[in-house]
Amino acid sequence: MNRIQLILVTAVILLLAFALGWFTYWLMHRFSRMAGGDIAEMDLLAQSLHAAEEARDQAILYLEQREAELMDQIAQTEARLSAALENLQDARREVDNLGDQFARIKVKN
């Protein structure tokens, strides 16, 4: 093996050693970071998510109750409207009858 080949082989070995060391450092840093500060942050996020889910559930329950109340009010209003329309039709018939009676009385005189 001549001198240039020895330099190239040594450079490749050193480059591979550097890359392996950097990769090992990156892995260790990633796992050690996960064990410490990120777990506390994840716990805080989990608590926030749980609180948000509870708030959402309460909002859904409130909306369902409110929807039921409004549907009851709509049903009552529709019933009142139907009764009012029936009374209006009765009143119109009575007015027509009275108008006919008035016209007959007027014709007789």
N, C-alpha and C. Protein backbone atom coordinates (compact mmCIF):
# COMPACT_ATOMS: atom_id res chain seq x y z
N MET A 1 0.86 -1.16 0.00
CA MET A 1 0.00 0.00 0.00
C MET A 1 0.91 1.23 0.00
N ASN A 2 0.67 2.10 -0.93
CA ASN A 2 1.54 3.28 -0.99
C ASN A 2 1.00 4.37 -0.07
N ARG A 3 1.68 5.48 -0.08
CA ARG A 3 1.43 6.56 0.87
C ARG A 3 0.06 7.20 0.62
N ILE A 4 -0.37 7.44 -0.60
CA ILE A 4 -1.62 8.11 -0.94
C ILE A 4 -2.80 7.20 -0.55
N GLN A 5 -2.67 5.92 -0.80
CA GLN A 5 -3.74 5.00 -0.41
C GLN A 5 -3.89 4.97 1.10
N LEU A 6 -2.79 5.00 1.83
CA LEU A 6 -2.83 5.01 3.28
C LEU A 6 -3.52 6.27 3.79
N ILE A 7 -3.23 7.41 3.18
CA ILE A 7 -3.86 8.68 3.58
C ILE A 7 -5.36 8.63 3.30
N LEU A 8 -5.74 8.11 2.14
CA LEU A 8 -7.16 8.03 1.80
C LEU A 8 -7.91 7.07 2.72
N VAL A 9 -7.33 5.91 3.00
CA VAL A 9 -7.98 4.94 3.90
C VAL A 9 -8.10 5.54 5.29
N THR A 10 -7.09 6.23 5.77
CA THR A 10 -7.13 6.86 7.09
C THR A 10 -8.20 7.96 7.10
N ALA A 11 -8.28 8.75 6.04
CA ALA A 11 -9.29 9.82 5.97
C ALA A 11 -10.70 9.24 5.97
N VAL A 12 -10.91 8.16 5.23
CA VAL A 12 -12.24 7.53 5.21
C VAL A 12 -12.58 6.96 6.57
N ILE A 13 -11.64 6.31 7.22
CA ILE A 13 -11.88 5.75 8.57
C ILE A 13 -12.20 6.87 9.55
N LEU A 14 -11.44 7.96 9.49
CA LEU A 14 -11.71 9.09 10.40
C LEU A 14 -13.07 9.71 10.10
N LEU A 15 -13.44 9.82 8.83
CA LEU A 15 -14.73 10.36 8.47
C LEU A 15 -15.86 9.46 8.97
N LEU A 16 -15.71 8.17 8.80
CA LEU A 16 -16.71 7.23 9.31
C LEU A 16 -16.80 7.28 10.84
N ALA A 17 -15.68 7.39 11.51
CA ALA A 17 -15.69 7.49 12.97
C ALA A 17 -16.40 8.77 13.41
N PHE A 18 -16.12 9.87 12.72
CA PHE A 18 -16.78 11.13 13.04
C PHE A 18 -18.30 11.02 12.83
N ALA A 19 -18.72 10.44 11.70
CA ALA A 19 -20.14 10.30 11.40
C ALA A 19 -20.82 9.40 12.42
N LEU A 20 -20.17 8.30 12.80
CA LEU A 20 -20.74 7.40 13.80
C LEU A 20 -20.84 8.09 15.16
N GLY A 21 -19.83 8.86 15.52
CA GLY A 21 -19.85 9.59 16.79
C GLY A 21 -20.95 10.65 16.80
N TRP A 22 -21.07 11.37 15.71
CA TRP A 22 -22.12 12.39 15.62
C TRP A 22 -23.50 11.76 15.70
N PHE A 23 -23.72 10.65 15.02
CA PHE A 23 -25.00 9.96 15.05
C PHE A 23 -25.31 9.44 16.45
N THR A 24 -24.30 8.89 17.12
CA THR A 24 -24.48 8.41 18.50
C THR A 24 -24.84 9.57 19.42
N TYR A 25 -24.14 10.69 19.28
CA TYR A 25 -24.46 11.88 20.09
C TYR A 25 -25.89 12.33 19.84
N TRP A 26 -26.31 12.36 18.59
CA TRP A 26 -27.66 12.80 18.25
C TRP A 26 -28.71 11.89 18.88
N LEU A 27 -28.46 10.56 18.79
CA LEU A 27 -29.40 9.61 19.41
C LEU A 27 -29.46 9.80 20.92
N MET A 28 -28.31 9.91 21.57
CA MET A 28 -28.28 10.08 23.02
C MET A 28 -28.95 11.38 23.44
N HIS A 29 -28.68 12.43 22.71
CA HIS A 29 -29.29 13.72 23.03
C HIS A 29 -30.81 13.64 22.87
N ARG A 30 -31.27 12.97 21.84
CA ARG A 30 -32.71 12.84 21.59
C ARG A 30 -33.40 12.06 22.70
N PHE A 31 -32.80 10.94 23.11
CA PHE A 31 -33.43 10.12 24.16
C PHE A 31 -33.30 10.75 25.54
N SER A 32 -32.18 11.40 25.83
CA SER A 32 -32.03 12.04 27.14
C SER A 32 -32.94 13.25 27.25
N ARG A 33 -33.15 13.96 26.16
CA ARG A 33 -34.04 15.11 26.19
C ARG A 33 -35.48 14.65 26.40
N MET A 34 -35.84 13.52 25.83
CA MET A 34 -37.18 12.99 25.98
C MET A 34 -37.43 12.58 27.43
N ALA A 35 -36.42 12.10 28.11
CA ALA A 35 -36.59 11.62 29.47
C ALA A 35 -36.78 12.78 30.45
N GLY A 36 -36.26 13.93 30.17
CA GLY A 36 -36.30 15.02 31.12
C GLY A 36 -37.40 16.02 30.89
N GLY A 37 -37.07 17.10 30.23
CA GLY A 37 -37.97 18.22 30.07
C GLY A 37 -39.18 17.94 29.21
N ASP A 38 -39.04 17.09 28.22
CA ASP A 38 -40.16 16.83 27.33
C ASP A 38 -41.28 16.06 28.01
N ILE A 39 -40.93 15.21 28.96
CA ILE A 39 -41.96 14.46 29.68
C ILE A 39 -42.84 15.42 30.48
N ALA A 40 -42.21 16.39 31.13
CA ALA A 40 -42.99 17.38 31.89
C ALA A 40 -43.88 18.19 30.95
N GLU A 41 -43.32 18.54 29.80
CA GLU A 41 -44.11 19.29 28.82
C GLU A 41 -45.24 18.44 28.27
N MET A 42 -44.96 17.17 28.02
CA MET A 42 -46.00 16.26 27.54
C MET A 42 -47.10 16.08 28.58
N ASP A 43 -46.71 16.02 29.85
CA ASP A 43 -47.69 15.89 30.92
C ASP A 43 -48.57 17.13 30.98
N LEU A 44 -47.97 18.29 30.83
CA LEU A 44 -48.73 19.54 30.82
C LEU A 44 -49.68 19.58 29.62
N LEU A 45 -49.20 19.15 28.47
CA LEU A 45 -50.06 19.11 27.29
C LEU A 45 -51.20 18.11 27.47
N ALA A 46 -50.91 16.97 28.10
CA ALA A 46 -51.96 15.98 28.34
C ALA A 46 -53.03 16.54 29.28
N GLN A 47 -52.60 17.25 30.31
CA GLN A 47 -53.56 17.86 31.23
C GLN A 47 -54.40 18.91 30.52
N SER A 48 -53.76 19.71 29.68
CA SER A 48 -54.48 20.72 28.92
C SER A 48 -55.48 20.08 27.97
N LEU A 49 -55.06 19.00 27.34
CA LEU A 49 -55.95 18.28 26.42
C LEU A 49 -57.13 17.70 27.17
N HIS A 50 -56.88 17.15 28.35
CA HIS A 50 -57.96 16.59 29.16
C HIS A 50 -58.95 17.68 29.56
N ALA A 51 -58.44 18.83 29.98
CA ALA A 51 -59.31 19.95 30.36
C ALA A 51 -60.12 20.43 29.15
N ALA A 52 -59.48 20.48 27.99
CA ALA A 52 -60.19 20.92 26.79
C ALA A 52 -61.28 19.92 26.41
N GLU A 53 -60.99 18.63 26.56
CA GLU A 53 -62.01 17.61 26.25
C GLU A 53 -63.19 17.72 27.21
N GLU A 54 -62.92 17.97 28.48
CA GLU A 54 -64.00 18.14 29.46
C GLU A 54 -64.84 19.36 29.11
N ALA A 55 -64.17 20.45 28.75
CA ALA A 55 -64.90 21.66 28.37
C ALA A 55 -65.75 21.41 27.13
N ARG A 56 -65.20 20.67 26.17
CA ARG A 56 -65.96 20.34 24.96
C ARG A 56 -67.17 19.49 25.31
N ASP A 57 -66.98 18.49 26.18
CA ASP A 57 -68.10 17.64 26.58
C ASP A 57 -69.19 18.45 27.27
N GLN A 58 -68.78 19.38 28.14
CA GLN A 58 -69.76 20.23 28.82
C GLN A 58 -70.47 21.13 27.82
N ALA A 59 -69.74 21.65 26.85
CA ALA A 59 -70.37 22.51 25.83
C ALA A 59 -71.36 21.71 24.99
N ILE A 60 -71.00 20.48 24.65
CA ILE A 60 -71.91 19.64 23.87
C ILE A 60 -73.16 19.34 24.68
N LEU A 61 -72.99 19.03 25.96
CA LEU A 61 -74.14 18.75 26.82
C LEU A 61 -75.04 19.98 26.93
N TYR A 62 -74.42 21.17 27.12
CA TYR A 62 -75.21 22.40 27.19
C TYR A 62 -75.97 22.64 25.89
N LEU A 63 -75.29 22.44 24.76
CA LEU A 63 -75.95 22.65 23.48
C LEU A 63 -77.10 21.67 23.26
N GLU A 64 -76.92 20.43 23.68
CA GLU A 64 -78.00 19.46 23.55
C GLU A 64 -79.20 19.84 24.41
N GLN A 65 -78.92 20.29 25.64
CA GLN A 65 -80.02 20.74 26.52
C GLN A 65 -80.71 21.96 25.93
N ARG A 66 -79.93 22.89 25.46
CA ARG A 66 -80.49 24.12 24.88
C ARG A 66 -81.31 23.79 23.63
N GLU A 67 -80.81 22.85 22.82
CA GLU A 67 -81.55 22.45 21.63
C GLU A 67 -82.88 21.82 22.00
N ALA A 68 -82.88 20.99 23.05
CA ALA A 68 -84.13 20.37 23.49
C ALA A 68 -85.12 21.44 23.97
N GLU A 69 -84.62 22.42 24.73
CA GLU A 69 -85.49 23.51 25.19
C GLU A 69 -86.07 24.28 24.01
N LEU A 70 -85.22 24.59 23.05
CA LEU A 70 -85.69 25.34 21.89
C LEU A 70 -86.68 24.54 21.05
N MET A 71 -86.46 23.24 20.94
CA MET A 71 -87.40 22.40 20.19
C MET A 71 -88.75 22.38 20.91
N ASP A 72 -88.73 22.33 22.25
CA ASP A 72 -89.99 22.40 23.01
C ASP A 72 -90.69 23.74 22.77
N GLN A 73 -89.91 24.82 22.79
CA GLN A 73 -90.50 26.13 22.54
C GLN A 73 -91.08 26.21 21.13
N ILE A 74 -90.39 25.65 20.18
CA ILE A 74 -90.90 25.65 18.80
C ILE A 74 -92.20 24.87 18.72
N ALA A 75 -92.23 23.70 19.37
CA ALA A 75 -93.46 22.89 19.35
C ALA A 75 -94.62 23.66 19.99
N GLN A 76 -94.36 24.33 21.11
CA GLN A 76 -95.40 25.11 21.77
C GLN A 76 -95.85 26.27 20.89
N THR A 77 -94.90 26.93 20.26
CA THR A 77 -95.24 28.06 19.39
C THR A 77 -96.05 27.59 18.19
N GLU A 78 -95.69 26.45 17.62
CA GLU A 78 -96.45 25.91 16.49
C GLU A 78 -97.86 25.53 16.92
N ALA A 79 -98.00 24.98 18.13
CA ALA A 79 -99.33 24.64 18.63
C ALA A 79 -100.16 25.91 18.82
N ARG A 80 -99.55 26.94 19.38
CA ARG A 80 -100.26 28.21 19.55
C ARG A 80 -100.63 28.82 18.20
N LEU A 81 -99.74 28.72 17.24
CA LEU A 81 -100.02 29.25 15.91
C LEU A 81 -101.18 28.51 15.27
N SER A 82 -101.19 27.19 15.40
CA SER A 82 -102.31 26.41 14.84
C SER A 82 -103.62 26.81 15.48
N ALA A 83 -103.62 26.95 16.81
CA ALA A 83 -104.84 27.36 17.52
C ALA A 83 -105.27 28.76 17.08
N ALA A 84 -104.31 29.67 16.92
CA ALA A 84 -104.64 31.03 16.50
C ALA A 84 -105.21 31.04 15.08
N LEU A 85 -104.63 30.23 14.20
CA LEU A 85 -105.16 30.16 12.84
C LEU A 85 -106.56 29.58 12.81
N GLU A 86 -106.81 28.56 13.62
CA GLU A 86 -108.16 27.99 13.69
C GLU A 86 -109.15 29.03 14.21
N ASN A 87 -108.75 29.75 15.25
CA ASN A 87 -109.62 30.81 15.79
C ASN A 87 -109.84 31.90 14.76
N LEU A 88 -108.83 32.23 14.00
CA LEU A 88 -108.97 33.25 12.96
C LEU A 88 -109.94 32.78 11.88
N GLN A 89 -109.84 31.51 11.48
CA GLN A 89 -110.77 30.98 10.49
C GLN A 89 -112.20 30.99 11.02
N ASP A 90 -112.36 30.62 12.29
CA ASP A 90 -113.70 30.67 12.90
C ASP A 90 -114.22 32.11 12.92
N ALA A 91 -113.36 33.04 13.27
CA ALA A 91 -113.77 34.44 13.33
C ALA A 91 -114.15 34.94 11.93
N ARG A 92 -113.41 34.53 10.90
CA ARG A 92 -113.74 34.95 9.53
C ARG A 92 -115.09 34.37 9.11
N ARG A 93 -115.31 33.09 9.45
CA ARG A 93 -116.61 32.50 9.12
C ARG A 93 -117.74 33.24 9.82
N GLU A 94 -117.51 33.58 11.08
CA GLU A 94 -118.54 34.31 11.84
C GLU A 94 -118.79 35.69 11.23
N VAL A 95 -117.70 36.36 10.82
CA VAL A 95 -117.85 37.67 10.19
C VAL A 95 -118.61 37.53 8.88
N ASP A 96 -118.29 36.49 8.11
CA ASP A 96 -119.02 36.27 6.85
C ASP A 96 -120.50 36.02 7.13
N ASN A 97 -120.80 35.19 8.13
CA ASN A 97 -122.19 34.91 8.48
C ASN A 97 -122.91 36.18 8.92
N LEU A 98 -122.24 36.96 9.76
CA LEU A 98 -122.85 38.21 10.21
C LEU A 98 -123.04 39.18 9.04
N GLY A 99 -122.06 39.20 8.11
CA GLY A 99 -122.20 40.05 6.93
C GLY A 99 -123.38 39.62 6.09
N ASP A 100 -123.56 38.29 5.93
CA ASP A 100 -124.70 37.79 5.17
C ASP A 100 -126.01 38.15 5.86
N GLN A 101 -126.05 37.97 7.19
CA GLN A 101 -127.27 38.32 7.93
C GLN A 101 -127.57 39.81 7.81
N PHE A 102 -126.52 40.62 7.92
CA PHE A 102 -126.71 42.07 7.79
C PHE A 102 -127.23 42.43 6.40
N ALA A 103 -126.67 41.77 5.37
CA ALA A 103 -127.13 42.04 4.00
C ALA A 103 -128.58 41.63 3.83
N ARG A 104 -129.00 40.50 4.39
CA ARG A 104 -130.40 40.06 4.29
C ARG A 104 -131.34 41.01 5.01
N ILE A 105 -130.90 41.49 6.19
CA ILE A 105 -131.72 42.44 6.92
C ILE A 105 -131.83 43.74 6.15
N LYS A 106 -130.75 44.16 5.54
CA LYS A 106 -130.75 45.40 4.77
C LYS A 106 -131.65 45.27 3.53
N VAL A 107 -131.64 44.10 2.90
CA VAL A 107 -132.46 43.90 1.71
C VAL A 107 -133.94 43.90 2.11
N LYS A 108 -134.30 43.33 3.24
CA LYS A 108 -135.69 43.29 3.68
C LYS A 108 -136.20 44.70 3.96
N ASN A 109 -135.38 45.57 4.39
CA ASN A 109 -135.83 46.93 4.72
C ASN A 109 -135.71 47.81 3.54
